[in-house]
N, C-alpha and C. Protein backbone atom coordinates (compact mmCIF):
# COMPACT_ATOMS: atom_id res chain seq x y z
N UNK A 1 24.57 -44.60 8.25
CA UNK A 1 23.92 -43.32 8.75
C UNK A 1 24.53 -42.11 8.08
N UNK A 2 23.65 -41.30 7.47
CA UNK A 2 24.20 -40.24 6.82
C UNK A 2 24.87 -39.21 7.76
N UNK A 3 25.72 -38.48 7.17
CA UNK A 3 26.51 -37.50 8.16
C UNK A 3 25.55 -36.58 8.76
N UNK A 4 24.54 -36.06 7.88
CA UNK A 4 23.69 -35.01 8.40
C UNK A 4 22.82 -35.64 9.57
N UNK A 5 22.40 -36.86 9.46
CA UNK A 5 21.52 -37.61 10.32
C UNK A 5 22.52 -37.84 11.70
N UNK A 6 23.60 -38.16 11.55
CA UNK A 6 24.59 -38.36 12.59
C UNK A 6 24.86 -37.06 13.45
N UNK A 7 25.02 -36.00 12.77
CA UNK A 7 25.13 -34.73 13.52
C UNK A 7 23.80 -34.42 14.29
N UNK A 8 22.69 -34.70 13.67
CA UNK A 8 21.35 -34.37 14.38
C UNK A 8 21.23 -35.28 15.56
N UNK A 9 21.64 -36.68 15.52
CA UNK A 9 21.39 -37.53 16.44
C UNK A 9 22.42 -37.02 17.64
N UNK A 10 23.60 -36.81 17.28
CA UNK A 10 24.52 -36.32 18.31
C UNK A 10 24.18 -35.05 19.02
N UNK A 11 23.63 -34.02 18.11
CA UNK A 11 23.18 -32.72 18.76
C UNK A 11 22.04 -33.02 19.84
N UNK A 12 21.24 -33.83 19.41
CA UNK A 12 20.02 -34.21 20.39
C UNK A 12 20.55 -34.76 21.80
N UNK A 13 21.57 -35.67 21.52
CA UNK A 13 21.94 -36.46 22.72
C UNK A 13 22.81 -35.35 23.49
N UNK A 14 23.53 -34.44 23.00
CA UNK A 14 24.26 -33.48 23.72
C UNK A 14 23.38 -32.54 24.39
N UNK A 15 22.22 -32.20 23.70
CA UNK A 15 21.25 -31.30 24.47
C UNK A 15 20.65 -32.08 25.63
N UNK A 16 20.31 -33.36 25.50
CA UNK A 16 19.76 -34.04 26.70
C UNK A 16 20.67 -34.13 27.82
N UNK A 17 21.90 -34.37 27.42
CA UNK A 17 23.06 -34.36 28.47
C UNK A 17 23.26 -33.06 29.20
N UNK A 18 23.27 -31.98 28.33
CA UNK A 18 23.30 -30.74 29.00
C UNK A 18 22.22 -30.42 30.00
N UNK A 19 21.00 -30.71 29.59
CA UNK A 19 19.78 -30.55 30.53
C UNK A 19 20.10 -31.38 31.70
N UNK A 20 20.44 -32.70 31.65
CA UNK A 20 20.72 -33.41 32.80
C UNK A 20 21.82 -32.98 33.75
N UNK A 21 22.92 -32.40 33.03
CA UNK A 21 24.07 -31.81 33.84
C UNK A 21 23.65 -30.40 34.43
N UNK A 22 23.14 -29.69 33.72
CA UNK A 22 22.91 -28.34 34.25
C UNK A 22 21.55 -28.20 35.11
N UNK A 23 20.72 -28.93 34.75
CA UNK A 23 19.32 -29.06 35.43
C UNK A 23 18.58 -27.92 34.96
N UNK A 24 17.32 -27.91 35.42
CA UNK A 24 16.24 -26.94 35.10
C UNK A 24 15.38 -26.99 36.40
N UNK A 25 15.22 -25.77 37.13
CA UNK A 25 14.49 -25.79 38.41
C UNK A 25 13.06 -26.18 38.17
N UNK A 26 12.45 -26.05 36.92
CA UNK A 26 11.22 -26.47 36.72
C UNK A 26 10.95 -27.68 35.80
N UNK A 27 12.06 -28.35 35.60
CA UNK A 27 11.98 -29.51 34.69
C UNK A 27 11.13 -30.68 35.28
N UNK A 28 11.37 -30.80 36.70
CA UNK A 28 10.63 -31.83 37.38
C UNK A 28 9.33 -31.61 37.31
N UNK A 29 8.70 -30.34 37.46
CA UNK A 29 7.19 -30.04 37.43
C UNK A 29 6.67 -30.16 36.25
N UNK A 30 7.39 -29.81 35.15
CA UNK A 30 7.00 -29.98 33.79
C UNK A 30 6.92 -31.41 33.43
N UNK A 31 7.88 -32.28 33.79
CA UNK A 31 7.89 -33.74 33.56
C UNK A 31 6.69 -34.36 34.28
N UNK A 32 6.53 -34.10 35.44
CA UNK A 32 5.41 -34.58 36.28
C UNK A 32 3.98 -34.17 35.58
N UNK A 33 3.91 -33.08 35.17
CA UNK A 33 2.82 -32.56 34.52
C UNK A 33 2.39 -33.28 33.28
N UNK A 34 3.50 -33.40 32.48
CA UNK A 34 3.40 -34.15 31.19
C UNK A 34 3.08 -35.59 31.49
N UNK A 35 3.64 -36.21 32.46
CA UNK A 35 3.41 -37.66 32.68
C UNK A 35 1.98 -37.78 33.16
N UNK A 36 1.37 -36.79 34.10
CA UNK A 36 0.06 -36.92 34.47
C UNK A 36 -0.94 -36.76 33.35
N UNK A 37 -0.63 -35.92 32.44
CA UNK A 37 -1.44 -35.91 31.14
C UNK A 37 -1.45 -37.12 30.21
N UNK A 38 -0.15 -37.72 30.15
CA UNK A 38 -0.03 -38.81 29.17
C UNK A 38 -0.14 -40.09 29.93
N UNK A 39 -0.23 -40.36 31.17
CA UNK A 39 -0.34 -41.67 31.75
C UNK A 39 0.99 -42.25 31.89
N UNK A 40 0.96 -43.56 32.03
CA UNK A 40 2.21 -44.32 32.19
C UNK A 40 3.07 -44.32 31.03
N UNK A 41 4.46 -44.04 31.22
CA UNK A 41 5.39 -44.05 30.22
C UNK A 41 6.65 -44.80 30.69
N UNK A 42 6.77 -45.96 30.02
CA UNK A 42 7.99 -46.87 30.59
C UNK A 42 9.20 -46.20 30.25
N UNK A 43 10.20 -46.44 31.12
CA UNK A 43 11.57 -46.00 31.01
C UNK A 43 12.25 -47.11 30.14
N UNK A 44 13.30 -46.56 29.24
CA UNK A 44 13.98 -47.44 28.41
C UNK A 44 15.36 -47.19 28.43
N UNK A 45 16.33 -48.13 28.12
CA UNK A 45 17.74 -47.97 27.69
C UNK A 45 17.86 -48.47 26.46
N UNK A 46 18.71 -47.93 25.55
CA UNK A 46 19.09 -48.17 24.23
C UNK A 46 20.50 -48.20 24.08
N UNK A 47 21.10 -49.44 23.67
CA UNK A 47 22.50 -49.37 23.46
C UNK A 47 22.87 -50.15 22.11
N UNK A 48 24.07 -50.26 21.67
CA UNK A 48 24.59 -50.94 20.60
C UNK A 48 25.63 -51.72 20.84
N UNK A 49 25.67 -53.04 20.30
CA UNK A 49 26.80 -53.96 20.77
C UNK A 49 26.86 -55.21 19.90
N UNK A 50 27.87 -55.98 20.11
CA UNK A 50 27.73 -57.28 19.61
C UNK A 50 28.76 -57.58 18.36
N UNK A 51 29.13 -58.75 18.09
CA UNK A 51 29.88 -59.27 16.91
C UNK A 51 28.94 -59.09 15.73
N UNK A 52 27.70 -59.39 15.97
CA UNK A 52 26.74 -59.31 15.03
C UNK A 52 26.10 -57.83 15.52
N UNK A 53 26.45 -56.71 14.89
CA UNK A 53 26.02 -55.43 15.45
C UNK A 53 24.51 -55.38 15.53
N UNK A 54 24.02 -54.88 16.73
CA UNK A 54 22.64 -54.84 16.94
C UNK A 54 22.29 -53.65 17.92
N UNK A 55 21.19 -53.25 17.82
CA UNK A 55 20.59 -52.26 18.76
C UNK A 55 19.88 -53.06 19.75
N UNK A 56 19.83 -52.66 21.05
CA UNK A 56 19.16 -53.31 22.14
C UNK A 56 18.40 -52.40 22.98
N UNK A 57 17.15 -52.57 23.13
CA UNK A 57 16.21 -51.70 23.67
C UNK A 57 15.63 -52.52 24.95
N UNK A 58 15.89 -51.99 26.15
CA UNK A 58 15.39 -52.48 27.39
C UNK A 58 14.40 -51.69 27.95
N UNK A 59 13.16 -52.20 28.12
CA UNK A 59 12.11 -51.28 28.82
C UNK A 59 11.57 -51.87 30.14
N UNK A 60 11.46 -50.96 31.18
CA UNK A 60 11.00 -51.38 32.48
C UNK A 60 9.40 -51.55 32.39
N UNK A 61 8.96 -52.66 32.50
CA UNK A 61 7.41 -52.79 32.42
C UNK A 61 7.02 -53.79 33.69
N UNK A 62 7.32 -53.50 34.87
CA UNK A 62 6.80 -54.40 35.87
C UNK A 62 5.38 -54.28 35.93
N UNK A 63 4.72 -55.57 36.29
CA UNK A 63 3.30 -55.46 36.48
C UNK A 63 2.47 -55.49 35.05
N UNK A 64 3.22 -55.48 33.95
CA UNK A 64 2.54 -55.53 32.72
C UNK A 64 2.47 -56.90 32.19
N UNK A 65 1.31 -57.43 31.57
CA UNK A 65 1.20 -58.79 31.29
C UNK A 65 1.69 -58.88 29.91
N UNK A 66 2.60 -59.87 29.57
CA UNK A 66 3.23 -59.86 28.27
C UNK A 66 2.22 -60.07 27.13
N UNK A 67 1.09 -60.52 27.47
CA UNK A 67 0.05 -60.63 26.41
C UNK A 67 -0.57 -59.33 25.96
N UNK A 68 -0.34 -58.24 26.80
CA UNK A 68 -0.92 -56.99 26.51
C UNK A 68 0.09 -56.16 25.74
N UNK A 69 1.40 -56.59 25.51
CA UNK A 69 2.32 -56.04 24.82
C UNK A 69 2.27 -55.98 23.47
N UNK A 70 2.76 -54.94 22.75
CA UNK A 70 2.74 -54.85 21.22
C UNK A 70 4.16 -54.29 20.80
N UNK A 71 4.75 -54.72 19.76
CA UNK A 71 5.89 -54.15 19.30
C UNK A 71 5.84 -53.94 17.80
N UNK A 72 6.31 -52.83 17.31
CA UNK A 72 6.29 -52.60 16.00
C UNK A 72 7.48 -51.71 15.59
N UNK A 73 8.18 -52.04 14.33
CA UNK A 73 9.29 -51.25 13.89
C UNK A 73 8.87 -50.59 12.63
N UNK A 74 9.04 -49.19 12.76
CA UNK A 74 8.77 -48.38 11.54
C UNK A 74 9.92 -47.54 11.23
N UNK A 75 10.77 -47.89 10.24
CA UNK A 75 11.92 -47.07 9.93
C UNK A 75 12.94 -47.28 11.13
N UNK A 76 13.35 -46.07 11.64
CA UNK A 76 14.06 -45.95 12.86
C UNK A 76 13.40 -45.85 14.14
N UNK A 77 12.27 -46.23 14.21
CA UNK A 77 11.41 -46.08 15.36
C UNK A 77 11.06 -47.58 15.93
N UNK A 78 11.13 -47.87 17.12
CA UNK A 78 10.47 -48.95 17.81
C UNK A 78 9.30 -48.49 18.64
N UNK A 79 8.12 -48.98 18.29
CA UNK A 79 6.97 -48.54 18.96
C UNK A 79 6.63 -49.67 20.02
N UNK A 80 6.47 -49.29 21.33
CA UNK A 80 6.07 -50.28 22.29
C UNK A 80 4.70 -49.97 22.85
N UNK A 81 3.72 -50.91 22.75
CA UNK A 81 2.39 -50.61 23.30
C UNK A 81 2.02 -51.52 24.37
N UNK A 82 1.06 -51.17 25.07
CA UNK A 82 0.62 -52.25 26.23
C UNK A 82 -0.26 -51.52 27.25
N UNK A 83 -0.51 -52.20 28.21
CA UNK A 83 -1.39 -51.60 29.30
C UNK A 83 -0.79 -52.22 30.64
N UNK A 84 -0.66 -51.34 31.60
CA UNK A 84 -0.38 -51.76 33.03
C UNK A 84 -1.90 -51.84 33.74
N UNK A 85 -2.22 -52.84 34.29
CA UNK A 85 -3.69 -52.78 34.81
C UNK A 85 -3.61 -51.99 36.13
N UNK A 86 -4.79 -51.23 36.21
CA UNK A 86 -5.11 -50.41 37.56
C UNK A 86 -5.27 -51.45 38.67
N UNK A 87 -4.56 -51.13 39.66
CA UNK A 87 -4.66 -51.95 41.01
C UNK A 87 -6.08 -51.85 41.65
N UNK A 88 -6.58 -52.94 42.20
CA UNK A 88 -7.91 -52.84 42.80
C UNK A 88 -7.74 -51.92 44.00
N UNK A 89 -8.78 -51.04 44.04
CA UNK A 89 -8.91 -49.89 45.15
C UNK A 89 -10.15 -50.19 46.03
N UNK A 90 -10.83 -51.09 45.92
CA UNK A 90 -12.15 -51.25 46.76
C UNK A 90 -11.67 -51.60 48.12
N UNK A 91 -12.14 -50.90 49.07
CA UNK A 91 -11.96 -51.15 50.55
C UNK A 91 -10.64 -50.49 50.95
N UNK A 92 -10.08 -49.71 50.20
CA UNK A 92 -8.76 -48.92 50.50
C UNK A 92 -8.82 -47.62 50.52
N UNK A 93 -8.07 -46.95 51.31
CA UNK A 93 -7.96 -45.49 51.45
C UNK A 93 -6.50 -45.17 51.18
N UNK A 94 -6.15 -44.71 50.07
CA UNK A 94 -4.86 -44.38 49.72
C UNK A 94 -4.40 -43.01 50.33
N UNK A 95 -3.18 -43.05 50.85
CA UNK A 95 -2.49 -41.70 51.19
C UNK A 95 -1.65 -41.14 50.20
N UNK A 96 -1.09 -42.25 49.29
CA UNK A 96 -0.17 -41.81 48.31
C UNK A 96 -0.29 -42.78 47.11
N UNK A 97 -0.34 -42.24 45.87
CA UNK A 97 -0.46 -43.21 44.71
C UNK A 97 0.61 -42.59 43.72
N UNK A 98 1.68 -43.49 43.52
CA UNK A 98 2.73 -43.11 42.49
C UNK A 98 2.95 -44.17 41.34
N UNK A 99 2.51 -45.14 41.69
CA UNK A 99 2.49 -46.35 40.70
C UNK A 99 1.57 -46.19 39.65
N UNK A 100 1.98 -45.66 38.42
CA UNK A 100 1.20 -45.33 37.12
C UNK A 100 0.69 -46.62 36.54
N UNK A 101 -0.48 -46.31 35.87
CA UNK A 101 -1.08 -47.51 35.33
C UNK A 101 -1.98 -47.18 34.31
N UNK A 102 -2.41 -47.90 33.42
CA UNK A 102 -3.19 -47.68 32.26
C UNK A 102 -2.46 -47.99 30.94
N UNK A 103 -3.10 -47.77 29.83
CA UNK A 103 -2.46 -47.95 28.60
C UNK A 103 -1.35 -47.16 28.22
N UNK A 104 -0.29 -47.49 27.51
CA UNK A 104 0.84 -46.64 27.15
C UNK A 104 1.16 -46.97 25.69
N UNK A 105 1.98 -45.93 25.29
CA UNK A 105 2.51 -46.18 23.92
C UNK A 105 3.99 -45.32 23.95
N UNK A 106 4.94 -45.99 23.73
CA UNK A 106 6.33 -45.56 23.82
C UNK A 106 7.04 -45.68 22.55
N UNK A 107 7.44 -44.45 21.92
CA UNK A 107 8.05 -44.64 20.71
C UNK A 107 9.62 -44.34 21.01
N UNK A 108 10.38 -45.35 20.45
CA UNK A 108 11.85 -45.05 20.88
C UNK A 108 12.63 -45.02 19.54
N UNK A 109 13.34 -43.78 19.41
CA UNK A 109 13.95 -43.49 18.20
C UNK A 109 15.35 -44.22 18.27
N UNK A 110 15.66 -45.03 17.14
CA UNK A 110 16.94 -45.63 17.04
C UNK A 110 17.89 -44.74 16.32
N UNK A 111 19.11 -44.85 16.65
CA UNK A 111 20.15 -44.09 15.90
C UNK A 111 20.91 -44.79 14.74
N UNK A 112 20.21 -45.82 14.16
CA UNK A 112 20.77 -46.54 13.05
C UNK A 112 19.54 -47.33 12.41
N UNK A 113 19.91 -47.76 11.09
CA UNK A 113 18.86 -48.55 10.46
C UNK A 113 19.00 -49.96 10.96
N UNK A 114 17.85 -50.53 11.06
CA UNK A 114 17.71 -51.98 11.52
C UNK A 114 17.05 -52.87 10.65
N UNK A 115 17.19 -54.25 10.72
CA UNK A 115 16.43 -55.22 9.95
C UNK A 115 15.39 -55.66 10.78
N UNK A 116 14.18 -55.15 10.59
CA UNK A 116 13.03 -55.44 11.44
C UNK A 116 12.66 -56.89 11.40
N UNK A 117 12.79 -57.52 10.12
CA UNK A 117 12.37 -58.92 9.92
C UNK A 117 13.12 -59.78 11.02
N UNK A 118 14.29 -59.33 11.54
CA UNK A 118 15.14 -60.33 12.30
C UNK A 118 15.12 -59.82 13.78
N UNK A 119 14.21 -58.94 14.08
CA UNK A 119 14.16 -58.45 15.45
C UNK A 119 13.74 -59.73 16.42
N UNK A 120 14.31 -59.65 17.58
CA UNK A 120 13.88 -60.70 18.60
C UNK A 120 13.43 -60.02 19.88
N UNK A 121 12.56 -60.55 20.71
CA UNK A 121 12.16 -59.79 21.98
C UNK A 121 11.97 -60.86 23.10
N UNK A 122 12.27 -60.59 24.20
CA UNK A 122 12.11 -61.41 25.30
C UNK A 122 11.59 -60.62 26.56
N UNK A 123 10.77 -61.28 27.52
CA UNK A 123 10.20 -60.43 28.61
C UNK A 123 10.50 -61.29 29.80
N UNK A 124 11.36 -60.77 30.82
CA UNK A 124 11.60 -61.41 32.10
C UNK A 124 11.70 -60.61 33.20
N UNK A 125 11.12 -60.86 34.31
CA UNK A 125 11.18 -60.11 35.54
C UNK A 125 10.66 -58.61 35.43
N UNK A 126 9.77 -58.46 34.53
CA UNK A 126 9.25 -57.16 34.30
C UNK A 126 10.20 -56.26 33.39
N UNK A 127 11.08 -56.77 32.61
CA UNK A 127 12.04 -56.19 31.78
C UNK A 127 11.80 -56.78 30.35
N UNK A 128 11.43 -55.84 29.34
CA UNK A 128 11.27 -56.22 27.94
C UNK A 128 12.59 -55.99 27.34
N UNK A 129 13.07 -56.89 26.51
CA UNK A 129 14.42 -56.60 25.81
C UNK A 129 14.17 -56.95 24.40
N UNK A 130 14.40 -55.98 23.56
CA UNK A 130 14.25 -56.16 22.10
C UNK A 130 15.60 -55.97 21.43
N UNK A 131 16.08 -56.97 20.58
CA UNK A 131 17.22 -56.91 19.96
C UNK A 131 16.90 -56.76 18.44
N UNK A 132 17.54 -55.84 17.81
CA UNK A 132 17.24 -55.27 16.45
C UNK A 132 18.67 -55.22 15.63
N UNK A 133 18.96 -56.44 14.77
CA UNK A 133 20.15 -56.35 14.10
C UNK A 133 20.27 -55.17 13.22
N UNK A 134 21.49 -54.40 13.16
CA UNK A 134 21.78 -53.41 12.52
C UNK A 134 21.80 -53.68 10.95
N UNK A 135 21.28 -52.82 10.15
CA UNK A 135 21.31 -53.02 8.52
C UNK A 135 22.68 -52.56 8.31
N UNK A 136 23.51 -53.48 7.57
CA UNK A 136 24.86 -53.08 7.07
C UNK A 136 24.77 -52.00 6.07
N UNK A 137 25.93 -51.24 6.00
CA UNK A 137 25.86 -50.19 4.94
C UNK A 137 26.21 -50.82 3.66
N UNK A 138 25.35 -50.47 2.65
CA UNK A 138 25.51 -51.15 1.18
C UNK A 138 26.42 -50.17 0.46
N UNK A 139 27.50 -50.76 -0.14
CA UNK A 139 28.41 -50.07 -0.86
C UNK A 139 28.28 -50.68 -2.29
N UNK A 140 28.23 -49.63 -3.21
CA UNK A 140 28.16 -50.03 -4.61
C UNK A 140 28.97 -49.13 -5.46
N UNK A 141 29.63 -49.65 -6.43
CA UNK A 141 30.62 -48.96 -7.35
C UNK A 141 29.54 -48.19 -8.28
N UNK A 142 29.88 -47.01 -8.48
CA UNK A 142 28.96 -46.13 -9.36
C UNK A 142 29.95 -45.88 -10.63
N UNK A 143 29.48 -46.27 -11.74
CA UNK A 143 30.17 -45.97 -12.98
C UNK A 143 30.32 -44.41 -13.31
N UNK A 144 31.31 -44.06 -13.92
CA UNK A 144 31.40 -42.73 -14.23
C UNK A 144 31.25 -42.57 -15.84
N UNK A 145 30.32 -41.74 -16.35
CA UNK A 145 30.00 -41.62 -17.61
C UNK A 145 30.89 -40.53 -18.14
N UNK A 146 31.68 -40.93 -19.16
CA UNK A 146 32.72 -39.87 -19.66
C UNK A 146 32.16 -39.06 -20.95
N UNK A 147 30.80 -39.42 -21.27
CA UNK A 147 30.11 -38.61 -22.35
C UNK A 147 30.71 -39.14 -23.73
N UNK A 148 31.59 -40.01 -23.96
CA UNK A 148 32.06 -40.55 -25.21
C UNK A 148 31.48 -41.80 -25.82
């Protein structure tokens, strides 16, 4: 990861942590309004681990049929698409509806280059787990031209 990119990723992480720590009295309302406009957005965890270094992305997708899921890796982004079906409503009068449904598209930014061709995914108990091997840094000697 380039130094410039690393600084940017760390700055974004720091900004999110400050928001979480200090809070914002209107953040919940903005988040709820944004969610209502965009529909269902799955929550994700992203971490890095292993003897064979890899990024692991876990997404909460209860109620989503594995056949409706799509995964795509583009550069440093993992794109998760799918649809959580709308529950049957006939013959029911709801007091409260909080379980979001419908199509979704979640873009997860990764903090390192990955080898997309070696990615693996599994889905169990409503949790999607995607493992993406990290691309090793390529080191190459650069000859120095002396001009003679």
